[in-house]
């Protein structure tokens, strides 16, 4: 995989991690302020759905990277996935 593609993918992974962490932190902040737990649970479900969607996106990205490696003629052990399962 080219360095620019690798760096772009790393940026996406990092951005998704940061965004998911910020969602969780905001929910906890609202919880500490005594906001309605029922309403917070709706936010929790939404944050979980977005985290799941991030995982799906990254899984497909990993599939793309693997295919790209095959097309470029790299052996499977030569091209390591940079996407870790969280």
PDB file of N, CA and C in Angstrom:
ATOM      1  N   UNK A   1       0.858  -1.163   0.000  1.00  0.00           N
ATOM      2  CA  UNK A   1       0.000   0.000   0.000  1.00  0.00           C
ATOM      3  C   UNK A   1       0.905   1.228   0.000  1.00  0.00           C
ATOM      4  N   UNK A   2       0.521   2.227  -0.742  1.00  0.00           N
ATOM      5  CA  UNK A   2       1.326   3.443  -0.819  1.00  0.00           C
ATOM      6  C   UNK A   2       1.304   4.179   0.519  1.00  0.00           C
ATOM      7  N   UNK A   3       2.350   4.931   0.764  1.00  0.00           N
ATOM      8  CA  UNK A   3       2.450   5.663   2.026  1.00  0.00           C
ATOM      9  C   UNK A   3       1.319   6.674   2.203  1.00  0.00           C
ATOM     10  N   UNK A   4       0.906   7.330   1.101  1.00  0.00           N
ATOM     11  CA  UNK A   4      -0.172   8.316   1.238  1.00  0.00           C
ATOM     12  C   UNK A   4      -1.505   7.648   1.574  1.00  0.00           C
ATOM     13  N   UNK A   5      -1.768   6.483   0.994  1.00  0.00           N
ATOM     14  CA  UNK A   5      -2.992   5.750   1.314  1.00  0.00           C
ATOM     15  C   UNK A   5      -2.937   5.253   2.762  1.00  0.00           C
ATOM     16  N   UNK A   6      -1.794   4.722   3.160  1.00  0.00           N
ATOM     17  CA  UNK A   6      -1.617   4.247   4.539  1.00  0.00           C
ATOM     18  C   UNK A   6      -1.839   5.402   5.525  1.00  0.00           C
ATOM     19  N   UNK A   7      -1.241   6.564   5.261  1.00  0.00           N
ATOM     20  CA  UNK A   7      -1.375   7.707   6.163  1.00  0.00           C
ATOM     21  C   UNK A   7      -2.817   8.205   6.211  1.00  0.00           C
ATOM     22  N   UNK A   8      -3.486   8.230   5.071  1.00  0.00           N
ATOM     23  CA  UNK A   8      -4.882   8.656   5.042  1.00  0.00           C
ATOM     24  C   UNK A   8      -5.753   7.720   5.862  1.00  0.00           C
ATOM     25  N   UNK A   9      -5.532   6.431   5.709  1.00  0.00           N
ATOM     26  CA  UNK A   9      -6.297   5.454   6.477  1.00  0.00           C
ATOM     27  C   UNK A   9      -6.006   5.595   7.964  1.00  0.00           C
ATOM     28  N   UNK A  10      -4.752   5.803   8.330  1.00  0.00           N
ATOM     29  CA  UNK A  10      -4.403   6.012   9.738  1.00  0.00           C
ATOM     30  C   UNK A  10      -5.112   7.253  10.293  1.00  0.00           C
ATOM     31  N   UNK A  11      -5.210   8.296   9.487  1.00  0.00           N
ATOM     32  CA  UNK A  11      -5.907   9.515   9.912  1.00  0.00           C
ATOM     33  C   UNK A  11      -7.390   9.246  10.156  1.00  0.00           C
ATOM     34  N   UNK A  12      -7.995   8.456   9.279  1.00  0.00           N
ATOM     35  CA  UNK A  12      -9.416   8.109   9.437  1.00  0.00           C
ATOM     36  C   UNK A  12      -9.616   7.291  10.713  1.00  0.00           C
ATOM     37  N   UNK A  13      -8.757   6.301  10.929  1.00  0.00           N
ATOM     38  CA  UNK A  13      -8.852   5.464  12.128  1.00  0.00           C
ATOM     39  C   UNK A  13      -8.752   6.336  13.372  1.00  0.00           C
ATOM     40  N   UNK A  14      -7.766   7.204  13.416  1.00  0.00           N
ATOM     41  CA  UNK A  14      -7.554   8.076  14.577  1.00  0.00           C
ATOM     42  C   UNK A  14      -8.752   9.006  14.773  1.00  0.00           C
ATOM     43  N   UNK A  15      -9.260   9.576  13.687  1.00  0.00           N
ATOM     44  CA  UNK A  15     -10.402  10.484  13.794  1.00  0.00           C
ATOM     45  C   UNK A  15     -11.635   9.760  14.338  1.00  0.00           C
ATOM     46  N   UNK A  16     -11.865   8.545  13.890  1.00  0.00           N
ATOM     47  CA  UNK A  16     -13.006   7.770  14.385  1.00  0.00           C
ATOM     48  C   UNK A  16     -12.853   7.457  15.865  1.00  0.00           C
ATOM     49  N   UNK A  17     -11.645   7.105  16.275  1.00  0.00           N
ATOM     50  CA  UNK A  17     -11.396   6.831  17.691  1.00  0.00           C
ATOM     51  C   UNK A  17     -11.645   8.079  18.533  1.00  0.00           C
ATOM     52  N   UNK A  18     -11.132   9.206  18.085  1.00  0.00           N
ATOM     53  CA  UNK A  18     -11.312  10.458  18.811  1.00  0.00           C
ATOM     54  C   UNK A  18     -12.789  10.823  18.895  1.00  0.00           C
ATOM     55  N   UNK A  19     -13.493  10.730  17.783  1.00  0.00           N
ATOM     56  CA  UNK A  19     -14.912  11.075  17.759  1.00  0.00           C
ATOM     57  C   UNK A  19     -15.708  10.176  18.700  1.00  0.00           C
ATOM     58  N   UNK A  20     -15.470   8.872  18.650  1.00  0.00           N
ATOM     59  CA  UNK A  20     -16.186   7.956  19.538  1.00  0.00           C
ATOM     60  C   UNK A  20     -15.872   8.247  21.004  1.00  0.00           C
ATOM     61  N   UNK A  21     -14.615   8.549  21.314  1.00  0.00           N
ATOM     62  CA  UNK A  21     -14.250   8.905  22.688  1.00  0.00           C
ATOM     63  C   UNK A  21     -14.909  10.206  23.139  1.00  0.00           C
ATOM     64  N   UNK A  22     -15.024  11.158  22.227  1.00  0.00           N
ATOM     65  CA  UNK A  22     -15.667  12.436  22.574  1.00  0.00           C
ATOM     66  C   UNK A  22     -17.157  12.249  22.838  1.00  0.00           C
ATOM     67  N   UNK A  23     -17.802  11.388  22.047  1.00  0.00           N
ATOM     68  CA  UNK A  23     -19.216  11.090  22.307  1.00  0.00           C
ATOM     69  C   UNK A  23     -19.381  10.525  23.714  1.00  0.00           C
ATOM     70  N   UNK A  24     -18.536   9.550  24.052  1.00  0.00           N
ATOM     71  CA  UNK A  24     -18.627   8.924  25.368  1.00  0.00           C
ATOM     72  C   UNK A  24     -18.358   9.927  26.481  1.00  0.00           C
ATOM     73  N   UNK A  25     -17.370  10.782  26.286  1.00  0.00           N
ATOM     74  CA  UNK A  25     -17.036  11.792  27.298  1.00  0.00           C
ATOM     75  C   UNK A  25     -18.187  12.788  27.474  1.00  0.00           C
ATOM     76  N   UNK A  26     -18.822  13.178  26.393  1.00  0.00           N
ATOM     77  CA  UNK A  26     -19.935  14.133  26.478  1.00  0.00           C
ATOM     78  C   UNK A  26     -21.105  13.514  27.229  1.00  0.00           C
ATOM     79  N   UNK A  27     -21.396  12.257  26.955  1.00  0.00           N
ATOM     80  CA  UNK A  27     -22.485  11.576  27.656  1.00  0.00           C
ATOM     81  C   UNK A  27     -22.175  11.521  29.150  1.00  0.00           C
ATOM     82  N   UNK A  28     -20.938  11.200  29.501  1.00  0.00           N
ATOM     83  CA  UNK A  28     -20.558  11.129  30.913  1.00  0.00           C
ATOM     84  C   UNK A  28     -20.644  12.515  31.565  1.00  0.00           C
ATOM     85  N   UNK A  29     -20.250  13.536  30.829  1.00  0.00           N
ATOM     86  CA  UNK A  29     -20.356  14.910  31.338  1.00  0.00           C
ATOM     87  C   UNK A  29     -21.816  15.255  31.647  1.00  0.00           C
ATOM     88  N   UNK A  30     -22.704  14.919  30.735  1.00  0.00           N
ATOM     89  CA  UNK A  30     -24.135  15.183  30.942  1.00  0.00           C
ATOM     90  C   UNK A  30     -24.678  14.367  32.122  1.00  0.00           C
ATOM     91  N   UNK A  31     -24.190  13.146  32.258  1.00  0.00           N
ATOM     92  CA  UNK A  31     -24.610  12.292  33.379  1.00  0.00           C
ATOM     93  C   UNK A  31     -24.186  12.931  34.705  1.00  0.00           C
ATOM     94  N   UNK A  32     -22.972  13.441  34.755  1.00  0.00           N
ATOM     95  CA  UNK A  32     -22.476  14.092  35.967  1.00  0.00           C
ATOM     96  C   UNK A  32     -23.268  15.354  36.307  1.00  0.00           C
ATOM     97  N   UNK A  33     -23.828  15.984  35.295  1.00  0.00           N
ATOM     98  CA  UNK A  33     -24.657  17.179  35.508  1.00  0.00           C
ATOM     99  C   UNK A  33     -26.076  16.821  35.908  1.00  0.00           C
ATOM    100  N   UNK A  34     -26.358  15.523  35.999  1.00  0.00           N
ATOM    101  CA  UNK A  34     -27.672  15.085  36.464  1.00  0.00           C
ATOM    102  C   UNK A  34     -28.759  15.085  35.404  1.00  0.00           C
ATOM    103  N   UNK A  35     -28.372  15.022  34.155  1.00  0.00           N
ATOM    104  CA  UNK A  35     -29.364  14.997  33.075  1.00  0.00           C
ATOM    105  C   UNK A  35     -30.164  13.702  33.126  1.00  0.00           C
ATOM    106  N   UNK A  36     -31.325  13.726  32.528  1.00  0.00           N
ATOM    107  CA  UNK A  36     -32.262  12.604  32.538  1.00  0.00           C
ATOM    108  C   UNK A  36     -31.616  11.347  31.949  1.00  0.00           C
ATOM    109  N   UNK A  37     -31.590  10.288  32.750  1.00  0.00           N
ATOM    110  CA  UNK A  37     -30.923   9.041  32.332  1.00  0.00           C
ATOM    111  C   UNK A  37     -31.601   8.408  31.122  1.00  0.00           C
ATOM    112  N   UNK A  38     -32.909   8.521  31.034  1.00  0.00           N
ATOM    113  CA  UNK A  38     -33.620   7.967  29.881  1.00  0.00           C
ATOM    114  C   UNK A  38     -33.173   8.654  28.586  1.00  0.00           C
ATOM    115  N   UNK A  39     -33.037   9.955  28.644  1.00  0.00           N
ATOM    116  CA  UNK A  39     -32.552  10.694  27.466  1.00  0.00           C
ATOM    117  C   UNK A  39     -31.090  10.344  27.175  1.00  0.00           C
ATOM    118  N   UNK A  40     -30.304  10.189  28.222  1.00  0.00           N
ATOM    119  CA  UNK A  40     -28.898   9.816  28.029  1.00  0.00           C
ATOM    120  C   UNK A  40     -28.768   8.448  27.385  1.00  0.00           C
ATOM    121  N   UNK A  41     -29.663   7.531  27.734  1.00  0.00           N
ATOM    122  CA  UNK A  41     -29.615   6.198  27.144  1.00  0.00           C
ATOM    123  C   UNK A  41     -29.857   6.246  25.641  1.00  0.00           C
ATOM    124  N   UNK A  42     -30.657   7.184  25.199  1.00  0.00           N
ATOM    125  CA  UNK A  42     -30.859   7.365  23.753  1.00  0.00           C
ATOM    126  C   UNK A  42     -29.547   7.797  23.099  1.00  0.00           C
ATOM    127  N   UNK A  43     -28.816   8.698  23.788  1.00  0.00           N
ATOM    128  CA  UNK A  43     -27.511   9.117  23.262  1.00  0.00           C
ATOM    129  C   UNK A  43     -26.518   7.957  23.277  1.00  0.00           C
ATOM    130  N   UNK A  44     -26.552   7.152  24.336  1.00  0.00           N
ATOM    131  CA  UNK A  44     -25.666   5.998  24.432  1.00  0.00           C
ATOM    132  C   UNK A  44     -25.919   5.057  23.261  1.00  0.00           C
ATOM    133  N   UNK A  45     -27.184   4.779  22.979  1.00  0.00           N
ATOM    134  CA  UNK A  45     -27.511   3.896  21.853  1.00  0.00           C
ATOM    135  C   UNK A  45     -27.019   4.478  20.537  1.00  0.00           C
ATOM    136  N   UNK A  46     -27.181   5.780  20.362  1.00  0.00           N
ATOM    137  CA  UNK A  46     -26.695   6.431  19.145  1.00  0.00           C
ATOM    138  C   UNK A  46     -25.182   6.354  19.032  1.00  0.00           C
ATOM    139  N   UNK A  47     -24.485   6.597  20.144  1.00  0.00           N
ATOM    140  CA  UNK A  47     -23.021   6.529  20.143  1.00  0.00           C
ATOM    141  C   UNK A  47     -22.554   5.110  19.844  1.00  0.00           C
ATOM    142  N   UNK A  48     -23.248   4.121  20.405  1.00  0.00           N
ATOM    143  CA  UNK A  48     -22.892   2.726  20.128  1.00  0.00           C
ATOM    144  C   UNK A  48     -23.114   2.392  18.659  1.00  0.00           C
ATOM    145  N   UNK A  49     -24.180   2.896  18.079  1.00  0.00           N
ATOM    146  CA  UNK A  49     -24.451   2.644  16.661  1.00  0.00           C
ATOM    147  C   UNK A  49     -23.363   3.267  15.791  1.00  0.00           C
ATOM    148  N   UNK A  50     -22.933   4.475  16.151  1.00  0.00           N
ATOM    149  CA  UNK A  50     -21.875   5.119  15.366  1.00  0.00           C
ATOM    150  C   UNK A  50     -20.546   4.387  15.525  1.00  0.00           C
ATOM    151  N   UNK A  51     -20.282   3.877  16.729  1.00  0.00           N
ATOM    152  CA  UNK A  51     -19.059   3.099  16.947  1.00  0.00           C
ATOM    153  C   UNK A  51     -19.099   1.812  16.120  1.00  0.00           C
ATOM    154  N   UNK A  52     -20.261   1.165  16.094  1.00  0.00           N
ATOM    155  CA  UNK A  52     -20.421  -0.037  15.270  1.00  0.00           C
ATOM    156  C   UNK A  52     -20.229   0.295  13.791  1.00  0.00           C
ATOM    157  N   UNK A  53     -20.801   1.405  13.356  1.00  0.00           N
ATOM    158  CA  UNK A  53     -20.663   1.817  11.956  1.00  0.00           C
ATOM    159  C   UNK A  53     -19.190   2.079  11.622  1.00  0.00           C
ATOM    160  N   UNK A  54     -18.465   2.665  12.562  1.00  0.00           N
ATOM    161  CA  UNK A  54     -17.029   2.886  12.357  1.00  0.00           C
ATOM    162  C   UNK A  54     -16.315   1.556  12.148  1.00  0.00           C
ATOM    163  N   UNK A  55     -16.669   0.572  12.971  1.00  0.00           N
ATOM    164  CA  UNK A  55     -16.060  -0.753  12.845  1.00  0.00           C
ATOM    165  C   UNK A  55     -16.359  -1.392  11.504  1.00  0.00           C
ATOM    166  N   UNK A  56     -17.591  -1.240  11.045  1.00  0.00           N
ATOM    167  CA  UNK A  56     -17.969  -1.789   9.739  1.00  0.00           C
ATOM    168  C   UNK A  56     -17.170  -1.096   8.632  1.00  0.00           C
ATOM    169  N   UNK A  57     -17.095   0.222   8.703  1.00  0.00           N
ATOM    170  CA  UNK A  57     -16.331   0.986   7.715  1.00  0.00           C
ATOM    171  C   UNK A  57     -14.879   0.503   7.682  1.00  0.00           C
ATOM    172  N   UNK A  58     -14.279   0.342   8.873  1.00  0.00           N
ATOM    173  CA  UNK A  58     -12.876  -0.073   8.934  1.00  0.00           C
ATOM    174  C   UNK A  58     -12.688  -1.510   8.474  1.00  0.00           C
ATOM    175  N   UNK A  59     -13.675  -2.351   8.711  1.00  0.00           N
ATOM    176  CA  UNK A  59     -13.597  -3.730   8.213  1.00  0.00           C
ATOM    177  C   UNK A  59     -13.569  -3.743   6.684  1.00  0.00           C
ATOM    178  N   UNK A  60     -14.408  -2.931   6.068  1.00  0.00           N
ATOM    179  CA  UNK A  60     -14.411  -2.851   4.609  1.00  0.00           C
ATOM    180  C   UNK A  60     -13.125  -2.216   4.097  1.00  0.00           C
ATOM    181  N   UNK A  61     -12.588  -1.263   4.844  1.00  0.00           N
ATOM    182  CA  UNK A  61     -11.307  -0.671   4.460  1.00  0.00           C
ATOM    183  C   UNK A  61     -10.209  -1.721   4.494  1.00  0.00           C
ATOM    184  N   UNK A  62     -10.241  -2.557   5.516  1.00  0.00           N
ATOM    185  CA  UNK A  62      -9.256  -3.634   5.626  1.00  0.00           C
ATOM    186  C   UNK A  62      -9.379  -4.589   4.443  1.00  0.00           C
ATOM    187  N   UNK A  63     -10.604  -4.922   4.077  1.00  0.00           N
ATOM    188  CA  UNK A  63     -10.847  -5.788   2.919  1.00  0.00           C
ATOM    189  C   UNK A  63     -10.256  -5.147   1.654  1.00  0.00           C
ATOM    190  N   UNK A  64     -10.474  -3.858   1.495  1.00  0.00           N
ATOM    191  CA  UNK A  64      -9.939  -3.135   0.347  1.00  0.00           C
ATOM    192  C   UNK A  64      -8.413  -3.208   0.342  1.00  0.00           C
ATOM    193  N   UNK A  65      -7.797  -2.978   1.497  1.00  0.00           N
ATOM    194  CA  UNK A  65      -6.339  -3.007   1.602  1.00  0.00           C
ATOM    195  C   UNK A  65      -5.803  -4.395   1.253  1.00  0.00           C
ATOM    196  N   UNK A  66      -6.485  -5.439   1.732  1.00  0.00           N
ATOM    197  CA  UNK A  66      -6.058  -6.800   1.406  1.00  0.00           C
ATOM    198  C   UNK A  66      -6.141  -7.051  -0.100  1.00  0.00           C
ATOM    199  N   UNK A  67      -7.249  -6.641  -0.707  1.00  0.00           N
ATOM    200  CA  UNK A  67      -7.403  -6.811  -2.162  1.00  0.00           C
ATOM    201  C   UNK A  67      -6.354  -6.012  -2.911  1.00  0.00           C
ATOM    202  N   UNK A  68      -6.113  -4.806  -2.449  1.00  0.00           N
ATOM    203  CA  UNK A  68      -5.109  -3.955  -3.074  1.00  0.00           C
ATOM    204  C   UNK A  68      -3.753  -4.646  -3.040  1.00  0.00           C
ATOM    205  N   UNK A  69      -3.426  -5.259  -1.897  1.00  0.00           N
ATOM    206  CA  UNK A  69      -2.167  -5.988  -1.781  1.00  0.00           C
ATOM    207  C   UNK A  69      -2.089  -7.139  -2.755  1.00  0.00           C
ATOM    208  N   UNK A  70      -3.211  -7.840  -2.941  1.00  0.00           N
ATOM    209  CA  UNK A  70      -3.242  -8.952  -3.893  1.00  0.00           C
ATOM    210  C   UNK A  70      -3.029  -8.447  -5.316  1.00  0.00           C
ATOM    211  N   UNK A  71      -3.680  -7.357  -5.654  1.00  0.00           N
ATOM    212  CA  UNK A  71      -3.558  -6.804  -7.008  1.00  0.00           C
ATOM    213  C   UNK A  71      -2.141  -6.298  -7.249  1.00  0.00           C
ATOM    214  N   UNK A  72      -1.536  -5.717  -6.203  1.00  0.00           N
ATOM    215  CA  UNK A  72      -0.175  -5.210  -6.338  1.00  0.00           C
ATOM    216  C   UNK A  72       0.851  -6.337  -6.313  1.00  0.00           C
ATOM    217  N   UNK A  73       0.377  -7.581  -6.078  1.00  0.00           N
ATOM    218  CA  UNK A  73       1.267  -8.731  -6.113  1.00  0.00           C
ATOM    219  C   UNK A  73       2.031  -8.976  -4.825  1.00  0.00           C
ATOM    220  N   UNK A  74       1.541  -8.462  -3.722  1.00  0.00           N
ATOM    221  CA  UNK A  74       2.215  -8.673  -2.447  1.00  0.00           C
ATOM    222  C   UNK A  74       1.722  -9.963  -1.810  1.00  0.00           C
ATOM    223  N   UNK A  75       2.612 -10.640  -1.166  1.00  0.00           N
ATOM    224  CA  UNK A  75       2.239 -11.828  -0.413  1.00  0.00           C
ATOM    225  C   UNK A  75       1.478 -11.375   0.830  1.00  0.00           C
ATOM    226  N   UNK A  76       0.550 -12.199   1.322  1.00  0.00           N
ATOM    227  CA  UNK A  76      -0.243 -11.811   2.495  1.00  0.00           C
ATOM    228  C   UNK A  76       0.589 -11.378   3.694  1.00  0.00           C
ATOM    229  N   UNK A  77       1.737 -12.023   3.937  1.00  0.00           N
ATOM    230  CA  UNK A  77       2.534 -11.641   5.098  1.00  0.00           C
ATOM    231  C   UNK A  77       3.386 -10.405   4.833  1.00  0.00           C
ATOM    232  N   UNK A  78       3.476  -9.969   3.578  1.00  0.00           N
ATOM    233  CA  UNK A  78       4.214  -8.759   3.253  1.00  0.00           C
ATOM    234  C   UNK A  78       3.389  -7.511   3.544  1.00  0.00           C
ATOM    235  N   UNK A  79       2.088  -7.625   3.442  1.00  0.00           N
ATOM    236  CA  UNK A  79       1.195  -6.477   3.629  1.00  0.00           C
ATOM    237  C   UNK A  79       0.355  -6.716   4.870  1.00  0.00           C
ATOM    238  N   UNK A  80       0.723  -6.072   5.943  1.00  0.00           N
ATOM    239  CA  UNK A  80       0.026  -6.237   7.206  1.00  0.00           C
ATOM    240  C   UNK A  80      -1.110  -5.236   7.303  1.00  0.00           C
ATOM    241  N   UNK A  81      -2.197  -5.668   7.903  1.00  0.00           N
ATOM    242  CA  UNK A  81      -3.309  -4.765   8.147  1.00  0.00           C
ATOM    243  C   UNK A  81      -2.902  -3.732   9.185  1.00  0.00           C
ATOM    244  N   UNK A  82      -3.250  -2.492   8.960  1.00  0.00           N
ATOM    245  CA  UNK A  82      -2.978  -1.457   9.956  1.00  0.00           C
ATOM    246  C   UNK A  82      -4.225  -1.196  10.781  1.00  0.00           C
ATOM    247  N   UNK A  83      -5.261  -1.937  10.495  1.00  0.00           N
ATOM    248  CA  UNK A  83      -6.513  -1.761  11.211  1.00  0.00           C
ATOM    249  C   UNK A  83      -6.595  -2.815  12.294  1.00  0.00           C
ATOM    250  N   UNK A  84      -6.625  -2.362  13.532  1.00  0.00           N
ATOM    251  CA  UNK A  84      -6.746  -3.303  14.643  1.00  0.00           C
ATOM    252  C   UNK A  84      -8.194  -3.379  15.067  1.00  0.00           C
ATOM    253  N   UNK A  85      -8.594  -4.552  15.517  1.00  0.00           N
ATOM    254  CA  UNK A  85      -9.954  -4.736  16.011  1.00  0.00           C
ATOM    255  C   UNK A  85     -10.012  -4.192  17.422  1.00  0.00           C
ATOM    256  N   UNK A  86     -11.003  -3.335  17.691  1.00  0.00           N
ATOM    257  CA  UNK A  86     -11.155  -2.747  19.027  1.00  0.00           C
ATOM    258  C   UNK A  86     -12.306  -3.363  19.740  1.00  0.00           C
TER     259      UNK A  86
END
